[in-house]
Amino acid sequence: MNKIKKQILNYTLDELKTELENLGEKKFRADQIFVWLHKKNAQSFDEMSNLSKVLREKLAEEFDISLLKVKTVAKSETDIANKYLFELQDGQFLESVYMQEEERVTLCVSTMVGCPIGCPYCATGLMGFKRNLTTAEIVNQLTYINAQEEKPITNIVYMGMGEPFLNYDNVIKSAQLFNHPSGAEISARKITISTCGIVPGINKMAKEGHKFKLAVSLNGTTDEQRTIMIPINVKFSTKMLMQSLQKYTEYTGQRVTFEYILVKDFNDRNEDAQRLKTMLSTFPCKLNVIPYNENTHCAFKAPDEKGLNKFIKKLYKAPFTVTVRRSKGQDIAAACGQLYADTKK
């Protein structure tokens, strides 16, 4: 019977020092290993050339580094965007997206296999929920892809498969590892955690004082709209969400980024724009309007340019920043709402 190994990317530096002590090794070895894992993106212990062969063999007996097996890499012909389809050790699948725009290189990471929210505009929700990812499986998305790509990742967005705040502890721990000065050293302001509106997660993140950026999928200006787009709105209503975000901005001093997926003939009317201006005018925030990305799994329609421009004009002179964010990788189903980990094709 094969020994079940520990996932070494699960550990903070202090936790790794404890693990090394338990193996009878000096604490400073943990510092060396941590750098290999998180800064040099090592995918095997054999790469750790400043460790003895005996120690590398001992580590290989106890721990797994690489938890992801790449199945396909789809490369966009319209953007610098690559979508990785990974197989996990238990046979489950996930997708991650690497996107480049000049010096900014963003990795869209997944936090779950599938998603339990079931948003009808999102292909991931149609997969159903399989399980949460471990801290190591989230971190390994960055370390693996950084080891493959020429330009290192500078920004992280937790906007892949899954609802991050329903896997809160692993998400926050992975973000802290991405931010660590001995690791990838990605600034907290360049790490964005997105939620569909899980109020307890928002409250917890504020109370714990994390400096990571918060993004919220709004996608509607009434409870009726949001419940259609985001079914968990039944539990965490629009009013509850906005009250929570008001307190978040007061407590942290940070502004919230709202994501508003614009769907043709659904949430793109004049009254929607007016309600948006009213809703978002009470605390510091910015609004990203995202034209819906059509996919083969969902029935919603994307707005045309005329409809998009008309909606944006209605937001003119709003007391918050408004941008149109066009998703990269639509031609490889790597854009917002398109991740599905479809292994049948």
Protein backbone atom coordinates (compact mmCIF):
# COMPACT_ATOMS: atom_id res chain seq x y z
CA MET A 1 0.00 0.00 0.00
CA ASN A 2 1.43 3.36 -1.04
CA LYS A 3 2.11 5.87 1.70
CA ILE A 4 -0.12 8.96 1.62
CA LYS A 5 2.22 11.91 1.29
CA LYS A 6 1.72 15.39 2.69
CA GLN A 7 1.27 18.33 0.32
CA ILE A 8 4.30 20.52 1.03
CA LEU A 9 2.76 23.60 -0.60
CA ASN A 10 0.14 23.60 2.16
CA TYR A 11 2.65 24.90 4.69
CA THR A 12 3.59 28.41 5.76
CA LEU A 13 7.29 28.97 6.44
CA ASP A 14 6.81 28.52 10.19
CA GLU A 15 4.82 25.32 9.63
CA LEU A 16 7.53 24.04 7.29
CA LYS A 17 10.17 24.67 9.97
CA THR A 18 8.17 22.50 12.37
CA GLU A 19 7.91 19.75 9.75
CA LEU A 20 11.68 19.85 9.18
CA GLU A 21 12.36 19.68 12.92
CA ASN A 22 10.09 16.64 13.13
CA LEU A 23 12.30 15.05 10.47
CA GLY A 24 15.38 15.79 12.57
CA GLU A 25 16.60 18.58 10.30
CA LYS A 26 17.76 22.12 11.06
CA LYS A 27 15.19 24.93 10.78
CA PHE A 28 17.22 26.86 8.22
CA ARG A 29 16.63 24.09 5.71
CA ALA A 30 12.98 25.15 5.68
CA ASP A 31 14.01 28.63 4.49
CA GLN A 32 15.93 27.07 1.59
CA ILE A 33 13.08 24.76 0.66
CA PHE A 34 10.50 27.55 0.87
CA VAL A 35 12.49 29.65 -1.62
CA TRP A 36 12.77 26.69 -3.99
CA LEU A 37 9.03 26.08 -3.78
CA HIS A 38 7.63 29.59 -3.95
CA LYS A 39 10.27 31.77 -5.62
CA LYS A 40 12.04 29.31 -7.91
CA ASN A 41 8.86 27.30 -8.65
CA ALA A 42 10.51 23.91 -8.20
CA GLN A 43 8.36 21.00 -9.32
CA SER A 44 10.54 18.27 -7.80
CA PHE A 45 12.95 17.90 -4.89
CA ASP A 46 15.71 16.92 -7.32
CA GLU A 47 15.86 20.57 -8.43
CA MET A 48 16.91 21.69 -4.93
CA SER A 49 20.64 21.62 -5.61
CA ASN A 50 21.75 23.16 -2.29
CA LEU A 51 20.22 20.28 -0.34
CA SER A 52 21.98 16.98 0.18
CA LYS A 53 20.82 13.96 -1.80
CA VAL A 54 19.87 12.25 1.46
CA LEU A 55 17.61 15.14 2.47
CA ARG A 56 16.05 15.36 -0.98
CA GLU A 57 15.22 11.65 -0.83
CA LYS A 58 13.80 12.02 2.68
CA LEU A 59 11.60 14.91 1.54
CA ALA A 60 10.40 12.95 -1.50
CA GLU A 61 9.30 10.12 0.80
CA GLU A 62 7.27 12.46 3.00
CA PHE A 63 5.89 15.12 0.66
CA ASP A 64 4.37 15.78 -2.75
CA ILE A 65 5.27 18.99 -4.58
CA SER A 66 3.55 18.85 -7.95
CA LEU A 67 -0.13 17.98 -7.52
CA LEU A 68 -1.23 19.00 -11.01
CA LYS A 69 -0.84 17.10 -14.24
CA VAL A 70 -1.35 19.31 -17.28
CA LYS A 71 -3.74 17.78 -19.82
CA THR A 72 -4.00 20.59 -22.38
CA VAL A 73 -2.86 24.18 -22.85
CA ALA A 74 -5.17 26.21 -25.11
CA LYS A 75 -3.54 29.33 -26.57
CA SER A 76 -5.68 32.27 -27.66
CA GLU A 77 -5.22 33.60 -31.18
CA THR A 78 -6.66 37.01 -30.26
CA ASP A 79 -4.99 37.72 -26.89
CA ILE A 80 -1.91 36.68 -24.96
CA ALA A 81 -3.89 34.21 -22.88
CA ASN A 82 -3.27 30.54 -22.18
CA LYS A 83 -5.82 28.26 -20.53
CA TYR A 84 -4.40 25.30 -18.60
CA LEU A 85 -6.51 22.21 -18.01
CA PHE A 86 -5.10 20.30 -15.03
CA GLU A 87 -5.85 16.85 -13.68
CA LEU A 88 -5.60 16.47 -9.92
CA GLN A 89 -4.32 13.44 -8.04
CA ASP A 90 -7.87 12.15 -7.43
CA GLY A 91 -8.80 12.38 -11.12
CA GLN A 92 -10.73 15.66 -10.83
CA PHE A 93 -10.05 18.55 -13.21
CA LEU A 94 -9.64 22.31 -12.95
CA GLU A 95 -8.73 25.21 -15.22
CA SER A 96 -6.43 28.22 -14.74
CA VAL A 97 -5.86 31.13 -17.11
CA TYR A 98 -2.57 33.00 -17.71
CA MET A 99 -3.09 36.46 -19.25
CA GLN A 100 -0.53 39.02 -20.36
CA GLU A 101 -1.02 42.70 -21.11
CA GLU A 102 2.28 44.58 -21.51
CA GLU A 103 4.12 44.27 -18.17
CA ARG A 104 1.07 43.08 -16.26
CA VAL A 105 0.80 39.29 -16.13
CA THR A 106 -2.31 37.96 -14.40
CA LEU A 107 -3.15 34.45 -13.28
CA CYS A 108 -6.81 33.61 -12.80
CA VAL A 109 -6.80 30.82 -10.21
CA SER A 110 -9.51 28.34 -9.30
CA THR A 111 -10.48 27.55 -5.71
CA MET A 112 -12.85 24.62 -6.25
CA VAL A 113 -13.55 21.81 -8.64
CA GLY A 114 -16.85 23.06 -10.01
CA CYS A 115 -18.99 25.44 -7.95
CA PRO A 116 -22.01 25.08 -5.63
CA ILE A 117 -23.58 28.49 -6.38
CA GLY A 118 -25.17 27.48 -9.70
CA CYS A 119 -25.23 30.87 -11.41
CA PRO A 120 -27.06 30.27 -14.74
CA TYR A 121 -24.78 32.59 -16.73
CA CYS A 122 -21.64 30.72 -15.65
CA ALA A 123 -20.44 27.47 -17.24
CA THR A 124 -18.58 26.42 -14.07
CA GLY A 125 -21.82 26.31 -12.08
CA LEU A 126 -23.23 23.77 -14.51
CA MET A 127 -20.45 21.35 -13.50
CA GLY A 128 -21.93 21.15 -10.02
CA PHE A 129 -19.72 21.13 -6.95
CA LYS A 130 -17.10 18.40 -6.62
CA ARG A 131 -14.85 19.62 -3.80
CA ASN A 132 -12.73 22.46 -2.44
CA LEU A 133 -9.12 22.77 -3.51
CA THR A 134 -6.43 22.55 -0.85
CA THR A 135 -4.08 25.47 -0.24
CA ALA A 136 -1.39 23.48 -2.06
CA GLU A 137 -3.58 22.90 -5.12
CA ILE A 138 -4.31 26.63 -5.35
CA VAL A 139 -0.64 27.59 -4.92
CA ASN A 140 0.53 24.92 -7.36
CA GLN A 141 -1.41 26.63 -10.16
CA LEU A 142 0.99 29.57 -9.87
CA THR A 143 4.19 27.61 -9.27
CA TYR A 144 3.52 25.25 -12.19
CA ILE A 145 2.53 27.96 -14.67
CA ASN A 146 5.36 30.27 -13.58
CA ALA A 147 7.76 27.41 -14.32
CA GLN A 148 6.38 27.14 -17.88
CA GLU A 149 5.86 30.73 -18.98
CA GLU A 150 8.56 33.25 -19.90
CA LYS A 151 7.09 36.23 -18.08
CA PRO A 152 6.48 35.70 -14.34
CA ILE A 153 3.04 36.32 -12.87
CA THR A 154 2.61 39.78 -11.31
CA ASN A 155 -1.10 39.72 -10.39
CA ILE A 156 -3.49 37.13 -8.99
CA VAL A 157 -7.27 37.12 -9.36
CA TYR A 158 -9.36 34.55 -7.55
CA MET A 159 -11.93 34.51 -10.33
CA GLY A 160 -11.57 31.00 -11.71
CA MET A 161 -13.71 27.99 -10.88
CA GLY A 162 -15.49 28.15 -7.53
CA GLU A 163 -16.61 30.66 -4.90
CA PRO A 164 -13.49 31.71 -2.93
CA PHE A 165 -15.28 32.64 0.30
CA LEU A 166 -16.79 29.15 0.58
CA ASN A 167 -13.20 27.89 0.75
CA TYR A 168 -12.11 30.82 2.89
CA ASP A 169 -9.23 29.42 4.95
CA ASN A 170 -7.42 27.81 2.01
CA VAL A 171 -7.91 30.92 -0.14
CA ILE A 172 -6.54 33.33 2.45
CA LYS A 173 -3.61 31.05 3.25
CA SER A 174 -2.74 30.69 -0.43
CA ALA A 175 -2.92 34.48 -0.88
CA GLN A 176 -0.55 34.93 2.07
CA LEU A 177 1.86 32.47 0.45
CA PHE A 178 1.68 34.36 -2.87
CA ASN A 179 2.43 37.56 -0.94
CA HIS A 180 5.34 36.18 1.13
CA PRO A 181 8.67 38.03 0.66
CA SER A 182 10.56 34.73 0.32
CA GLY A 183 8.13 33.50 -2.31
CA ALA A 184 6.44 34.98 -5.37
CA GLU A 185 6.31 38.28 -3.45
CA ILE A 186 3.14 39.49 -5.14
CA SER A 187 1.92 42.70 -3.52
CA ALA A 188 -1.34 42.42 -1.58
CA ARG A 189 -2.81 45.20 -3.74
CA LYS A 190 -2.17 42.98 -6.77
CA ILE A 191 -4.10 40.05 -5.31
CA THR A 192 -7.88 40.27 -5.83
CA ILE A 193 -10.32 37.91 -4.15
CA SER A 194 -13.72 37.83 -5.83
CA THR A 195 -17.00 36.77 -4.28
CA CYS A 196 -20.58 36.50 -5.48
CA GLY A 197 -21.66 38.05 -2.19
CA ILE A 198 -20.91 35.66 0.68
CA VAL A 199 -21.51 38.12 3.52
CA PRO A 200 -19.79 36.13 6.34
CA GLY A 201 -16.63 35.91 4.22
CA ILE A 202 -16.65 39.65 3.56
CA ASN A 203 -17.10 40.35 7.27
CA LYS A 204 -14.35 37.91 8.24
CA MET A 205 -11.88 39.35 5.74
CA ALA A 206 -12.51 42.85 7.10
CA LYS A 207 -12.14 41.81 10.75
CA GLU A 208 -8.92 39.91 10.06
CA GLY A 209 -7.42 42.99 8.44
CA HIS A 210 -6.23 41.45 5.18
CA LYS A 211 -4.97 43.94 2.60
CA PHE A 212 -5.95 41.91 -0.44
CA LYS A 213 -8.37 43.61 -2.81
CA LEU A 214 -12.04 42.64 -2.72
CA ALA A 215 -14.19 42.25 -5.83
CA VAL A 216 -17.92 41.54 -5.71
CA SER A 217 -20.10 40.18 -8.51
CA LEU A 218 -23.20 42.37 -8.49
CA ASN A 219 -24.79 41.53 -11.87
CA GLY A 220 -28.15 43.06 -11.00
CA THR A 221 -29.69 46.09 -9.31
CA THR A 222 -32.70 44.37 -7.69
CA ASP A 223 -33.15 41.27 -5.58
CA GLU A 224 -35.18 39.75 -8.40
CA GLN A 225 -32.33 40.17 -10.90
CA ARG A 226 -29.61 39.06 -8.53
CA THR A 227 -31.52 35.97 -7.46
CA ILE A 228 -31.80 34.90 -11.09
CA MET A 229 -28.12 35.60 -11.77
CA ILE A 230 -26.75 34.57 -8.36
CA PRO A 231 -29.12 32.15 -6.56
CA ILE A 232 -27.42 32.56 -3.17
CA ASN A 233 -28.88 36.09 -3.12
CA VAL A 234 -31.89 34.39 -1.50
CA LYS A 235 -29.70 33.82 1.57
CA PHE A 236 -27.56 36.98 1.37
CA SER A 237 -29.85 39.63 -0.07
CA THR A 238 -28.73 42.71 -1.96
CA LYS A 239 -29.50 44.84 1.11
CA MET A 240 -27.44 42.58 3.39
CA LEU A 241 -24.59 42.63 0.89
CA MET A 242 -24.50 46.41 0.56
CA GLN A 243 -24.66 46.88 4.33
CA SER A 244 -21.75 44.47 4.74
CA LEU A 245 -19.70 46.27 2.09
CA GLN A 246 -20.44 49.65 3.68
CA LYS A 247 -18.95 48.34 6.93
CA TYR A 248 -16.06 46.73 5.04
CA THR A 249 -14.97 50.03 3.51
CA GLU A 250 -15.34 51.83 6.86
CA TYR A 251 -13.35 49.16 8.69
CA THR A 252 -10.55 48.66 6.16
CA GLY A 253 -10.36 52.01 4.39
CA GLN A 254 -10.23 50.11 1.08
CA ARG A 255 -12.59 50.53 -1.83
CA VAL A 256 -14.56 47.65 -3.30
CA THR A 257 -14.49 46.65 -6.96
CA PHE A 258 -17.90 45.70 -8.32
CA GLU A 259 -18.19 43.39 -11.32
CA TYR A 260 -21.36 43.90 -13.34
CA ILE A 261 -21.87 41.38 -16.13
CA LEU A 262 -24.02 43.13 -18.70
CA VAL A 263 -26.60 40.83 -20.28
CA LYS A 264 -28.68 41.85 -23.26
CA ASP A 265 -32.33 42.65 -22.45
CA PHE A 266 -31.88 41.65 -18.81
CA ASN A 267 -29.88 44.13 -16.73
CA ASP A 268 -28.94 46.72 -19.37
CA ARG A 269 -31.89 49.11 -19.14
CA ASN A 270 -31.86 52.81 -18.26
CA GLU A 271 -33.39 52.12 -14.85
CA ASP A 272 -30.63 49.58 -14.12
CA ALA A 273 -27.99 52.23 -14.77
CA GLN A 274 -29.79 54.72 -12.56
CA ARG A 275 -30.12 52.21 -9.71
CA LEU A 276 -26.43 51.38 -10.03
CA LYS A 277 -25.51 55.03 -9.59
CA THR A 278 -27.67 55.23 -6.47
CA MET A 279 -26.49 51.92 -4.96
CA LEU A 280 -22.78 52.53 -5.37
CA SER A 281 -22.64 56.19 -4.44
CA THR A 282 -22.57 55.73 -0.67
CA PHE A 283 -19.02 54.33 -0.23
CA PRO A 284 -15.68 54.23 -2.09
CA CYS A 285 -15.75 51.77 -4.97
CA LYS A 286 -15.14 51.22 -8.66
CA LEU A 287 -17.34 49.49 -11.22
CA ASN A 288 -16.21 47.11 -13.93
CA VAL A 289 -18.88 46.60 -16.57
CA ILE A 290 -18.20 43.26 -18.28
CA PRO A 291 -20.06 42.45 -21.51
CA TYR A 292 -21.42 38.94 -21.07
CA ASN A 293 -19.27 36.24 -22.64
CA GLU A 294 -21.52 33.78 -24.42
CA ASN A 295 -20.78 30.07 -24.10
CA THR A 296 -22.31 26.85 -25.32
CA HIS A 297 -23.61 25.93 -21.86
CA CYS A 298 -25.74 29.02 -21.08
CA ALA A 299 -28.63 30.81 -22.82
CA PHE A 300 -27.93 34.47 -21.98
CA LYS A 301 -26.91 36.85 -24.75
CA ALA A 302 -24.12 39.40 -24.96
CA PRO A 303 -24.99 43.08 -25.53
CA ASP A 304 -24.03 44.65 -28.83
CA GLU A 305 -21.71 47.66 -28.92
CA LYS A 306 -24.60 50.09 -29.26
CA GLY A 307 -26.33 48.70 -26.19
CA LEU A 308 -23.08 48.67 -24.20
CA ASN A 309 -22.27 52.28 -25.09
CA LYS A 310 -25.80 53.40 -24.24
CA PHE A 311 -25.55 51.78 -20.81
CA ILE A 312 -22.14 53.34 -20.10
CA LYS A 313 -23.39 56.80 -21.09
CA LYS A 314 -26.15 56.48 -18.49
CA LEU A 315 -23.44 56.10 -15.84
CA TYR A 316 -21.83 59.38 -16.88
CA LYS A 317 -20.78 61.58 -13.93
CA ALA A 318 -21.25 58.73 -11.43
CA PRO A 319 -19.22 59.45 -8.25
CA PHE A 320 -17.14 56.31 -8.77
CA THR A 321 -14.78 55.02 -11.45
CA VAL A 322 -16.47 53.11 -14.27
CA THR A 323 -14.51 50.93 -16.71
CA VAL A 324 -15.48 48.44 -19.39
CA ARG A 325 -13.53 45.24 -18.87
CA ARG A 326 -13.32 42.97 -21.85
CA SER A 327 -12.33 39.44 -20.94
CA LYS A 328 -9.35 37.84 -22.60
CA GLY A 329 -9.34 34.40 -24.18
CA GLN A 330 -12.94 34.23 -25.41
CA ASP A 331 -11.85 32.18 -28.42
CA ILE A 332 -10.57 29.41 -26.11
CA ALA A 333 -13.46 29.65 -23.59
CA ALA A 334 -11.11 31.20 -21.04
CA ALA A 335 -13.09 34.38 -20.40
CA CYS A 336 -15.17 35.29 -17.36
CA GLY A 337 -17.94 32.71 -16.85
CA GLN A 338 -16.61 30.27 -19.45
CA LEU A 339 -14.43 27.92 -17.38
CA TYR A 340 -15.88 24.43 -17.45
CA ALA A 341 -13.00 21.91 -17.36
CA ASP A 342 -14.63 19.98 -20.18
CA THR A 343 -12.61 16.76 -20.51
CA LYS A 344 -15.02 15.02 -22.86
CA LYS A 345 -13.97 17.01 -25.93
